[in-house]
All heavy atoms as atom14 arrays in JSON, in Angstrom:
{
  "sequence": "TSICNFRCVFCYQTDAEFTAKKNGHMGSMSLDLFKKIVDMAEGRVEA",
  "atom14_mask": [
    [1, 1, 1, 1, 1, 1, 1, 0, 0, 0, 0, 0, 0, 0],
    [1, 1, 1, 1, 1, 1, 0, 0, 0, 0, 0, 0, 0, 0],
    [1, 1, 1, 1, 1, 1, 1, 1, 0, 0, 0, 0, 0, 0],
    [1, 1, 1, 1, 1, 1, 0, 0, 0, 0, 0, 0, 0, 0],
    [1, 1, 1, 1, 1, 1, 1, 1, 0, 0, 0, 0, 0, 0],
    [1, 1, 1, 1, 1, 1, 1, 1, 1, 1, 1, 0, 0, 0],
    [1, 1, 1, 1, 1, 1, 1, 1, 1, 1, 1, 0, 0, 0],
    [1, 1, 1, 1, 1, 1, 0, 0, 0, 0, 0, 0, 0, 0],
    [1, 1, 1, 1, 1, 1, 1, 0, 0, 0, 0, 0, 0, 0],
    [1, 1, 1, 1, 1, 1, 1, 1, 1, 1, 1, 0, 0, 0],
    [1, 1, 1, 1, 1, 1, 0, 0, 0, 0, 0, 0, 0, 0],
    [1, 1, 1, 1, 1, 1, 1, 1, 1, 1, 1, 1, 0, 0],
    [1, 1, 1, 1, 1, 1, 1, 1, 1, 0, 0, 0, 0, 0],
    [1, 1, 1, 1, 1, 1, 1, 0, 0, 0, 0, 0, 0, 0],
    [1, 1, 1, 1, 1, 1, 1, 1, 0, 0, 0, 0, 0, 0],
    [1, 1, 1, 1, 1, 0, 0, 0, 0, 0, 0, 0, 0, 0],
    [1, 1, 1, 1, 1, 1, 1, 1, 1, 0, 0, 0, 0, 0],
    [1, 1, 1, 1, 1, 1, 1, 1, 1, 1, 1, 0, 0, 0],
    [1, 1, 1, 1, 1, 1, 1, 0, 0, 0, 0, 0, 0, 0],
    [1, 1, 1, 1, 1, 0, 0, 0, 0, 0, 0, 0, 0, 0],
    [1, 1, 1, 1, 1, 1, 1, 1, 1, 0, 0, 0, 0, 0],
    [1, 1, 1, 1, 1, 1, 1, 1, 1, 0, 0, 0, 0, 0],
    [1, 1, 1, 1, 1, 1, 1, 1, 0, 0, 0, 0, 0, 0],
    [1, 1, 1, 1, 0, 0, 0, 0, 0, 0, 0, 0, 0, 0],
    [1, 1, 1, 1, 1, 1, 1, 1, 1, 1, 0, 0, 0, 0],
    [1, 1, 1, 1, 1, 1, 1, 1, 0, 0, 0, 0, 0, 0],
    [1, 1, 1, 1, 0, 0, 0, 0, 0, 0, 0, 0, 0, 0],
    [1, 1, 1, 1, 1, 1, 0, 0, 0, 0, 0, 0, 0, 0],
    [1, 1, 1, 1, 1, 1, 1, 1, 0, 0, 0, 0, 0, 0],
    [1, 1, 1, 1, 1, 1, 0, 0, 0, 0, 0, 0, 0, 0],
    [1, 1, 1, 1, 1, 1, 1, 1, 0, 0, 0, 0, 0, 0],
    [1, 1, 1, 1, 1, 1, 1, 1, 0, 0, 0, 0, 0, 0],
    [1, 1, 1, 1, 1, 1, 1, 1, 0, 0, 0, 0, 0, 0],
    [1, 1, 1, 1, 1, 1, 1, 1, 1, 1, 1, 0, 0, 0],
    [1, 1, 1, 1, 1, 1, 1, 1, 1, 0, 0, 0, 0, 0],
    [1, 1, 1, 1, 1, 1, 1, 1, 1, 0, 0, 0, 0, 0],
    [1, 1, 1, 1, 1, 1, 1, 1, 0, 0, 0, 0, 0, 0],
    [1, 1, 1, 1, 1, 1, 1, 0, 0, 0, 0, 0, 0, 0],
    [1, 1, 1, 1, 1, 1, 1, 1, 0, 0, 0, 0, 0, 0],
    [1, 1, 1, 1, 1, 1, 1, 1, 0, 0, 0, 0, 0, 0],
    [1, 1, 1, 1, 1, 0, 0, 0, 0, 0, 0, 0, 0, 0],
    [1, 1, 1, 1, 1, 1, 1, 1, 1, 0, 0, 0, 0, 0],
    [1, 1, 1, 1, 0, 0, 0, 0, 0, 0, 0, 0, 0, 0],
    [1, 1, 1, 1, 1, 1, 1, 1, 1, 1, 1, 0, 0, 0],
    [1, 1, 1, 1, 1, 1, 1, 0, 0, 0, 0, 0, 0, 0],
    [1, 1, 1, 1, 1, 1, 1, 1, 1, 0, 0, 0, 0, 0],
    [1, 1, 1, 1, 1, 0, 0, 0, 0, 0, 0, 0, 0, 0]
  ],
  "atom14_positions": [
    [[15.2, 38.55, 163.5], [14.33, 37.6, 162.83], [15.1, 36.32, 162.53], [16.32, 36.35, 162.35], [13.76, 38.18, 161.51], [12.88, 37.23, 160.9], [14.86, 38.54, 160.54], [0.0, 0.0, 0.0], [0.0, 0.0, 0.0], [0.0, 0.0, 0.0], [0.0, 0.0, 0.0], [0.0, 0.0, 0.0], [0.0, 0.0, 0.0], [0.0, 0.0, 0.0]],
    [[14.38, 35.22, 162.48], [14.99, 33.95, 162.08], [14.77, 33.67, 160.6], [15.26, 32.67, 160.06], [14.42, 32.79, 162.91], [13.01, 32.71, 162.71], [0.0, 0.0, 0.0], [0.0, 0.0, 0.0], [0.0, 0.0, 0.0], [0.0, 0.0, 0.0], [0.0, 0.0, 0.0], [0.0, 0.0, 0.0], [0.0, 0.0, 0.0], [0.0, 0.0, 0.0]],
    [[14.03, 34.55, 159.94], [13.67, 34.37, 158.54], [14.8, 34.91, 157.66], [15.41, 35.93, 157.97], [12.36, 35.11, 158.21], [11.23, 34.59, 159.11], [11.99, 34.98, 156.74], [9.99, 35.47, 159.09], [0.0, 0.0, 0.0], [0.0, 0.0, 0.0], [0.0, 0.0, 0.0], [0.0, 0.0, 0.0], [0.0, 0.0, 0.0], [0.0, 0.0, 0.0]],
    [[15.06, 34.22, 156.56], [16.07, 34.7, 155.62], [15.56, 34.52, 154.19], [14.83, 33.57, 153.89], [17.39, 33.94, 155.8], [18.76, 34.66, 154.83], [0.0, 0.0, 0.0], [0.0, 0.0, 0.0], [0.0, 0.0, 0.0], [0.0, 0.0, 0.0], [0.0, 0.0, 0.0], [0.0, 0.0, 0.0], [0.0, 0.0, 0.0], [0.0, 0.0, 0.0]],
    [[15.96, 35.45, 153.32], [15.59, 35.36, 151.91], [16.61, 34.58, 151.08], [16.43, 34.4, 149.89], [15.42, 36.77, 151.32], [16.67, 37.63, 151.45], [17.41, 37.51, 152.43], [16.92, 38.49, 150.49], [0.0, 0.0, 0.0], [0.0, 0.0, 0.0], [0.0, 0.0, 0.0], [0.0, 0.0, 0.0], [0.0, 0.0, 0.0], [0.0, 0.0, 0.0]],
    [[17.69, 34.1, 151.71], [18.69, 33.28, 151.04], [18.63, 31.85, 151.58], [18.07, 31.6, 152.64], [20.1, 33.83, 151.28], [20.48, 35.04, 150.46], [19.56, 35.72, 149.67], [21.79, 35.5, 150.47], [19.92, 36.83, 148.93], [22.16, 36.6, 149.73], [21.23, 37.27, 148.96], [0.0, 0.0, 0.0], [0.0, 0.0, 0.0], [0.0, 0.0, 0.0]],
    [[19.26, 30.95, 150.85], [19.45, 29.58, 151.3], [20.91, 29.19, 151.06], [21.22, 28.32, 150.25], [18.5, 28.61, 150.58], [17.05, 28.76, 150.95], [16.78, 28.4, 152.41], [15.37, 28.53, 152.79], [14.84, 29.62, 153.31], [15.6, 30.7, 153.5], [13.57, 29.65, 153.63], [0.0, 0.0, 0.0], [0.0, 0.0, 0.0], [0.0, 0.0, 0.0]],
    [[21.81, 29.88, 151.76], [23.24, 29.66, 151.56], [23.61, 28.21, 151.89], [23.06, 27.62, 152.83], [24.05, 30.62, 152.42], [23.69, 32.35, 152.06], [0.0, 0.0, 0.0], [0.0, 0.0, 0.0], [0.0, 0.0, 0.0], [0.0, 0.0, 0.0], [0.0, 0.0, 0.0], [0.0, 0.0, 0.0], [0.0, 0.0, 0.0], [0.0, 0.0, 0.0]],
    [[24.51, 27.67, 151.13], [24.8, 26.24, 151.22], [25.39, 25.84, 152.57], [25.36, 24.66, 152.94], [25.74, 25.79, 150.08], [25.08, 26.01, 148.74], [27.08, 26.53, 150.14], [0.0, 0.0, 0.0], [0.0, 0.0, 0.0], [0.0, 0.0, 0.0], [0.0, 0.0, 0.0], [0.0, 0.0, 0.0], [0.0, 0.0, 0.0], [0.0, 0.0, 0.0]],
    [[25.94, 26.8, 153.31], [26.61, 26.5, 154.57], [25.78, 26.93, 155.78], [26.3, 27.04, 156.89], [27.97, 27.23, 154.64], [27.89, 28.65, 154.14], [27.36, 29.65, 154.92], [28.31, 28.95, 152.86], [27.25, 30.94, 154.45], [28.23, 30.25, 152.38], [27.69, 31.24, 153.17], [0.0, 0.0, 0.0], [0.0, 0.0, 0.0], [0.0, 0.0, 0.0]],
    [[24.48, 27.17, 155.58], [23.66, 27.8, 156.63], [22.55, 26.89, 157.11], [22.07, 26.01, 156.4], [23.08, 29.1, 156.08], [22.09, 30.03, 157.27], [0.0, 0.0, 0.0], [0.0, 0.0, 0.0], [0.0, 0.0, 0.0], [0.0, 0.0, 0.0], [0.0, 0.0, 0.0], [0.0, 0.0, 0.0], [0.0, 0.0, 0.0], [0.0, 0.0, 0.0]],
    [[22.08, 27.18, 158.34], [20.97, 26.46, 158.95], [19.69, 26.54, 158.1], [18.81, 25.7, 158.21], [20.65, 27.01, 160.34], [21.84, 27.29, 161.2], [21.97, 28.51, 161.85], [22.83, 26.34, 161.38], [23.06, 28.77, 162.67], [23.93, 26.6, 162.19], [24.04, 27.82, 162.82], [25.12, 28.07, 163.62], [0.0, 0.0, 0.0], [0.0, 0.0, 0.0]],
    [[19.57, 27.6, 157.29], [18.36, 27.8, 156.51], [18.13, 26.68, 155.49], [17.04, 26.56, 154.93], [18.43, 29.15, 155.79], [18.46, 30.35, 156.71], [17.12, 30.66, 157.35], [16.07, 30.29, 156.83], [17.13, 31.36, 158.48], [0.0, 0.0, 0.0], [0.0, 0.0, 0.0], [0.0, 0.0, 0.0], [0.0, 0.0, 0.0], [0.0, 0.0, 0.0]],
    [[19.13, 25.85, 155.23], [18.95, 24.73, 154.31], [18.24, 23.55, 154.98], [17.88, 22.59, 154.31], [20.29, 24.25, 153.75], [21.15, 23.87, 154.84], [20.97, 25.34, 152.94], [0.0, 0.0, 0.0], [0.0, 0.0, 0.0], [0.0, 0.0, 0.0], [0.0, 0.0, 0.0], [0.0, 0.0, 0.0], [0.0, 0.0, 0.0], [0.0, 0.0, 0.0]],
    [[18.04, 23.63, 156.3], [17.36, 22.57, 157.03], [15.85, 22.78, 156.93], [15.3, 23.72, 157.53], [17.81, 22.58, 158.49], [17.28, 21.41, 159.3], [16.07, 21.15, 159.23], [18.09, 20.77, 160.0], [0.0, 0.0, 0.0], [0.0, 0.0, 0.0], [0.0, 0.0, 0.0], [0.0, 0.0, 0.0], [0.0, 0.0, 0.0], [0.0, 0.0, 0.0]],
    [[15.17, 21.92, 156.19], [13.74, 22.09, 155.94], [12.92, 22.0, 157.22], [11.87, 22.64, 157.34], [13.27, 21.04, 154.93], [0.0, 0.0, 0.0], [0.0, 0.0, 0.0], [0.0, 0.0, 0.0], [0.0, 0.0, 0.0], [0.0, 0.0, 0.0], [0.0, 0.0, 0.0], [0.0, 0.0, 0.0], [0.0, 0.0, 0.0], [0.0, 0.0, 0.0]],
    [[13.38, 21.24, 158.19], [12.67, 21.14, 159.47], [12.73, 22.46, 160.22], [11.76, 22.86, 160.88], [13.28, 20.02, 160.31], [12.55, 19.77, 161.62], [13.15, 18.64, 162.41], [13.22, 17.52, 161.87], [13.57, 18.87, 163.57], [0.0, 0.0, 0.0], [0.0, 0.0, 0.0], [0.0, 0.0, 0.0], [0.0, 0.0, 0.0], [0.0, 0.0, 0.0]],
    [[13.85, 23.16, 160.1], [14.0, 24.45, 160.75], [13.12, 25.52, 160.11], [12.47, 26.31, 160.79], [15.47, 24.87, 160.71], [15.74, 26.26, 161.21], [15.42, 26.63, 162.5], [16.33, 27.21, 160.38], [15.67, 27.92, 162.97], [16.59, 28.49, 160.84], [16.25, 28.85, 162.13], [0.0, 0.0, 0.0], [0.0, 0.0, 0.0], [0.0, 0.0, 0.0]],
    [[13.08, 25.55, 158.78], [12.36, 26.62, 158.09], [10.88, 26.36, 157.91], [10.14, 27.27, 157.53], [12.99, 26.87, 156.71], [13.01, 25.65, 155.96], [14.42, 27.39, 156.85], [0.0, 0.0, 0.0], [0.0, 0.0, 0.0], [0.0, 0.0, 0.0], [0.0, 0.0, 0.0], [0.0, 0.0, 0.0], [0.0, 0.0, 0.0], [0.0, 0.0, 0.0]],
    [[10.42, 25.14, 158.18], [8.98, 24.85, 158.06], [8.2, 25.68, 159.08], [8.45, 25.6, 160.28], [8.73, 23.36, 158.27], [0.0, 0.0, 0.0], [0.0, 0.0, 0.0], [0.0, 0.0, 0.0], [0.0, 0.0, 0.0], [0.0, 0.0, 0.0], [0.0, 0.0, 0.0], [0.0, 0.0, 0.0], [0.0, 0.0, 0.0], [0.0, 0.0, 0.0]],
    [[7.25, 26.47, 158.61], [6.5, 27.37, 159.49], [5.79, 26.62, 160.62], [5.66, 27.12, 161.73], [5.5, 28.17, 158.67], [6.14, 29.19, 157.74], [5.08, 30.0, 157.0], [5.72, 31.02, 156.09], [4.72, 31.82, 155.35], [0.0, 0.0, 0.0], [0.0, 0.0, 0.0], [0.0, 0.0, 0.0], [0.0, 0.0, 0.0], [0.0, 0.0, 0.0]],
    [[5.34, 25.39, 160.33], [4.56, 24.64, 161.32], [5.38, 24.28, 162.55], [4.82, 23.99, 163.62], [4.01, 23.37, 160.69], [5.09, 22.37, 160.27], [4.49, 21.11, 159.65], [5.58, 20.11, 159.27], [5.01, 18.88, 158.68], [0.0, 0.0, 0.0], [0.0, 0.0, 0.0], [0.0, 0.0, 0.0], [0.0, 0.0, 0.0], [0.0, 0.0, 0.0]],
    [[6.71, 24.32, 162.45], [7.55, 23.92, 163.57], [7.88, 25.08, 164.52], [8.54, 24.88, 165.54], [8.84, 23.27, 163.05], [8.57, 21.94, 162.39], [7.64, 21.23, 162.77], [9.37, 21.59, 161.39], [0.0, 0.0, 0.0], [0.0, 0.0, 0.0], [0.0, 0.0, 0.0], [0.0, 0.0, 0.0], [0.0, 0.0, 0.0], [0.0, 0.0, 0.0]],
    [[7.46, 26.28, 164.17], [7.53, 27.4, 165.11], [8.87, 28.09, 165.24], [9.04, 28.94, 166.13], [0.0, 0.0, 0.0], [0.0, 0.0, 0.0], [0.0, 0.0, 0.0], [0.0, 0.0, 0.0], [0.0, 0.0, 0.0], [0.0, 0.0, 0.0], [0.0, 0.0, 0.0], [0.0, 0.0, 0.0], [0.0, 0.0, 0.0], [0.0, 0.0, 0.0]],
    [[9.83, 27.77, 164.38], [11.13, 28.41, 164.48], [11.2, 29.76, 163.75], [12.11, 30.55, 164.0], [12.22, 27.5, 163.91], [12.38, 26.2, 164.63], [12.72, 26.14, 165.97], [12.25, 24.92, 164.21], [12.79, 24.87, 166.34], [12.51, 24.11, 165.3], [0.0, 0.0, 0.0], [0.0, 0.0, 0.0], [0.0, 0.0, 0.0], [0.0, 0.0, 0.0]],
    [[10.26, 30.0, 162.84], [10.32, 31.19, 162.0], [9.5, 32.33, 162.59], [8.36, 32.13, 163.02], [9.79, 30.86, 160.6], [10.62, 29.87, 159.79], [12.22, 30.54, 159.25], [13.33, 29.79, 160.46], [0.0, 0.0, 0.0], [0.0, 0.0, 0.0], [0.0, 0.0, 0.0], [0.0, 0.0, 0.0], [0.0, 0.0, 0.0], [0.0, 0.0, 0.0]],
    [[10.08, 33.53, 162.58], [9.35, 34.7, 163.05], [10.27, 35.89, 163.23], [11.49, 35.8, 163.04], [0.0, 0.0, 0.0], [0.0, 0.0, 0.0], [0.0, 0.0, 0.0], [0.0, 0.0, 0.0], [0.0, 0.0, 0.0], [0.0, 0.0, 0.0], [0.0, 0.0, 0.0], [0.0, 0.0, 0.0], [0.0, 0.0, 0.0], [0.0, 0.0, 0.0]],
    [[9.7, 37.03, 163.6], [10.45, 38.26, 163.82], [10.16, 38.82, 165.21], [9.03, 38.7, 165.71], [10.1, 39.31, 162.76], [10.52, 38.9, 161.48], [0.0, 0.0, 0.0], [0.0, 0.0, 0.0], [0.0, 0.0, 0.0], [0.0, 0.0, 0.0], [0.0, 0.0, 0.0], [0.0, 0.0, 0.0], [0.0, 0.0, 0.0], [0.0, 0.0, 0.0]],
    [[11.15, 39.42, 165.81], [11.04, 39.95, 167.16], [10.18, 41.21, 167.19], [10.27, 42.05, 166.29], [12.44, 40.26, 167.7], [12.47, 40.75, 169.13], [14.17, 40.96, 169.77], [14.65, 39.24, 170.03], [0.0, 0.0, 0.0], [0.0, 0.0, 0.0], [0.0, 0.0, 0.0], [0.0, 0.0, 0.0], [0.0, 0.0, 0.0], [0.0, 0.0, 0.0]],
    [[9.38, 41.35, 168.23], [8.61, 42.58, 168.41], [9.53, 43.68, 168.92], [10.55, 43.42, 169.59], [7.47, 42.36, 169.39], [7.97, 42.22, 170.72], [0.0, 0.0, 0.0], [0.0, 0.0, 0.0], [0.0, 0.0, 0.0], [0.0, 0.0, 0.0], [0.0, 0.0, 0.0], [0.0, 0.0, 0.0], [0.0, 0.0, 0.0], [0.0, 0.0, 0.0]],
    [[9.16, 44.91, 168.63], [9.96, 46.04, 169.1], [9.95, 46.11, 170.62], [10.98, 46.43, 171.24], [9.42, 47.33, 168.49], [10.18, 48.61, 168.84], [11.65, 48.52, 168.44], [9.52, 49.82, 168.17], [0.0, 0.0, 0.0], [0.0, 0.0, 0.0], [0.0, 0.0, 0.0], [0.0, 0.0, 0.0], [0.0, 0.0, 0.0], [0.0, 0.0, 0.0]],
    [[8.84, 45.82, 171.25], [8.76, 45.87, 172.71], [9.71, 44.85, 173.34], [10.38, 45.16, 174.35], [7.33, 45.6, 173.18], [6.4, 46.78, 172.96], [6.92, 47.89, 172.72], [5.17, 46.59, 173.01], [0.0, 0.0, 0.0], [0.0, 0.0, 0.0], [0.0, 0.0, 0.0], [0.0, 0.0, 0.0], [0.0, 0.0, 0.0], [0.0, 0.0, 0.0]],
    [[9.78, 43.66, 172.78], [10.7, 42.66, 173.33], [12.14, 43.09, 173.13], [12.97, 42.95, 174.03], [10.46, 41.3, 172.66], [11.38, 40.16, 173.11], [11.29, 39.94, 174.62], [11.03, 38.86, 172.37], [0.0, 0.0, 0.0], [0.0, 0.0, 0.0], [0.0, 0.0, 0.0], [0.0, 0.0, 0.0], [0.0, 0.0, 0.0], [0.0, 0.0, 0.0]],
    [[12.44, 43.65, 171.97], [13.79, 44.14, 171.72], [14.17, 45.21, 172.75], [15.28, 45.2, 173.29], [13.89, 44.71, 170.31], [15.25, 45.25, 169.97], [16.26, 44.4, 169.54], [15.54, 46.6, 170.09], [17.53, 44.88, 169.22], [16.8, 47.1, 169.77], [17.79, 46.23, 169.35], [0.0, 0.0, 0.0], [0.0, 0.0, 0.0], [0.0, 0.0, 0.0]],
    [[13.27, 46.12, 173.03], [13.56, 47.18, 174.0], [13.82, 46.59, 175.38], [14.72, 47.07, 176.11], [12.39, 48.17, 174.06], [12.28, 49.06, 172.83], [11.1, 50.02, 172.95], [11.03, 50.98, 171.77], [9.88, 51.92, 171.89], [0.0, 0.0, 0.0], [0.0, 0.0, 0.0], [0.0, 0.0, 0.0], [0.0, 0.0, 0.0], [0.0, 0.0, 0.0]],
    [[13.08, 45.57, 175.76], [13.29, 44.93, 177.06], [14.71, 44.34, 177.13], [15.4, 44.48, 178.15], [12.25, 43.84, 177.29], [12.44, 43.02, 178.58], [11.36, 41.98, 178.76], [11.64, 41.06, 179.93], [11.54, 41.75, 181.24], [0.0, 0.0, 0.0], [0.0, 0.0, 0.0], [0.0, 0.0, 0.0], [0.0, 0.0, 0.0], [0.0, 0.0, 0.0]],
    [[15.13, 43.69, 176.06], [16.47, 43.08, 176.04], [17.54, 44.16, 176.12], [18.52, 44.02, 176.88], [16.64, 42.24, 174.76], [15.62, 41.09, 174.72], [18.06, 41.67, 174.68], [15.51, 40.43, 173.37], [0.0, 0.0, 0.0], [0.0, 0.0, 0.0], [0.0, 0.0, 0.0], [0.0, 0.0, 0.0], [0.0, 0.0, 0.0], [0.0, 0.0, 0.0]],
    [[17.39, 45.23, 175.36], [18.36, 46.32, 175.39], [18.43, 46.94, 176.77], [19.51, 47.24, 177.3], [18.02, 47.37, 174.32], [18.83, 48.65, 174.53], [18.29, 46.82, 172.91], [0.0, 0.0, 0.0], [0.0, 0.0, 0.0], [0.0, 0.0, 0.0], [0.0, 0.0, 0.0], [0.0, 0.0, 0.0], [0.0, 0.0, 0.0], [0.0, 0.0, 0.0]],
    [[17.29, 47.14, 177.4], [17.26, 47.72, 178.75], [17.99, 46.82, 179.74], [18.67, 47.3, 180.65], [15.82, 47.95, 179.2], [15.13, 49.06, 178.43], [15.81, 49.82, 177.72], [13.87, 49.14, 178.52], [0.0, 0.0, 0.0], [0.0, 0.0, 0.0], [0.0, 0.0, 0.0], [0.0, 0.0, 0.0], [0.0, 0.0, 0.0], [0.0, 0.0, 0.0]],
    [[17.85, 45.51, 179.59], [18.54, 44.58, 180.47], [20.05, 44.59, 180.22], [20.83, 44.37, 181.15], [18.0, 43.16, 180.24], [16.57, 42.95, 180.72], [15.84, 41.38, 180.14], [16.85, 40.2, 181.03], [0.0, 0.0, 0.0], [0.0, 0.0, 0.0], [0.0, 0.0, 0.0], [0.0, 0.0, 0.0], [0.0, 0.0, 0.0], [0.0, 0.0, 0.0]],
    [[20.46, 44.85, 178.98], [21.87, 44.76, 178.62], [22.64, 46.06, 178.84], [23.85, 46.04, 179.1], [22.0, 44.35, 177.16], [0.0, 0.0, 0.0], [0.0, 0.0, 0.0], [0.0, 0.0, 0.0], [0.0, 0.0, 0.0], [0.0, 0.0, 0.0], [0.0, 0.0, 0.0], [0.0, 0.0, 0.0], [0.0, 0.0, 0.0], [0.0, 0.0, 0.0]],
    [[21.96, 47.2, 178.73], [22.66, 48.48, 178.8], [23.38, 48.64, 180.14], [22.83, 48.4, 181.21], [21.67, 49.64, 178.63], [22.35, 50.99, 178.56], [21.38, 52.15, 178.38], [20.15, 51.91, 178.41], [21.85, 53.3, 178.21], [0.0, 0.0, 0.0], [0.0, 0.0, 0.0], [0.0, 0.0, 0.0], [0.0, 0.0, 0.0], [0.0, 0.0, 0.0]],
    [[24.65, 49.02, 180.06], [25.47, 49.18, 181.25], [26.09, 47.89, 181.76], [26.93, 47.92, 182.66], [0.0, 0.0, 0.0], [0.0, 0.0, 0.0], [0.0, 0.0, 0.0], [0.0, 0.0, 0.0], [0.0, 0.0, 0.0], [0.0, 0.0, 0.0], [0.0, 0.0, 0.0], [0.0, 0.0, 0.0], [0.0, 0.0, 0.0], [0.0, 0.0, 0.0]],
    [[25.71, 46.77, 181.17], [26.24, 45.47, 181.59], [26.96, 44.75, 180.47], [27.83, 43.91, 180.72], [25.09, 44.59, 182.11], [24.4, 45.18, 183.34], [23.08, 44.5, 183.62], [22.4, 45.12, 184.77], [21.64, 46.21, 184.68], [21.46, 46.78, 183.49], [21.07, 46.73, 185.74], [0.0, 0.0, 0.0], [0.0, 0.0, 0.0], [0.0, 0.0, 0.0]],
    [[26.58, 45.06, 179.24], [27.17, 44.45, 178.05], [27.57, 45.56, 177.09], [26.85, 46.55, 176.96], [26.17, 43.5, 177.36], [26.75, 42.91, 176.08], [25.73, 42.39, 178.3], [0.0, 0.0, 0.0], [0.0, 0.0, 0.0], [0.0, 0.0, 0.0], [0.0, 0.0, 0.0], [0.0, 0.0, 0.0], [0.0, 0.0, 0.0], [0.0, 0.0, 0.0]],
    [[28.72, 45.4, 176.44], [29.13, 46.36, 175.41], [28.98, 45.77, 174.01], [28.73, 46.5, 173.05], [30.58, 46.81, 175.61], [30.84, 47.59, 176.88], [30.19, 48.98, 176.89], [29.6, 49.38, 175.87], [30.25, 49.63, 177.94], [0.0, 0.0, 0.0], [0.0, 0.0, 0.0], [0.0, 0.0, 0.0], [0.0, 0.0, 0.0], [0.0, 0.0, 0.0]],
    [[29.16, 44.46, 173.86], [29.1, 43.82, 172.55], [27.7, 43.25, 172.31], [27.3, 42.28, 172.96], [30.14, 42.71, 172.44], [0.0, 0.0, 0.0], [0.0, 0.0, 0.0], [0.0, 0.0, 0.0], [0.0, 0.0, 0.0], [0.0, 0.0, 0.0], [0.0, 0.0, 0.0], [0.0, 0.0, 0.0], [0.0, 0.0, 0.0], [0.0, 0.0, 0.0]]
  ]
}
């Protein structure tokens, strides 16, 4: 997810343009998309 419950002083989350919902940067990944990424990475990436 790109959403955070903190606004740490050294973090991107302090940028109001980034966190404004209307700009489309905020959201959470679907489980299906996560599985697709893992399937692509397994056996090719360790980290």
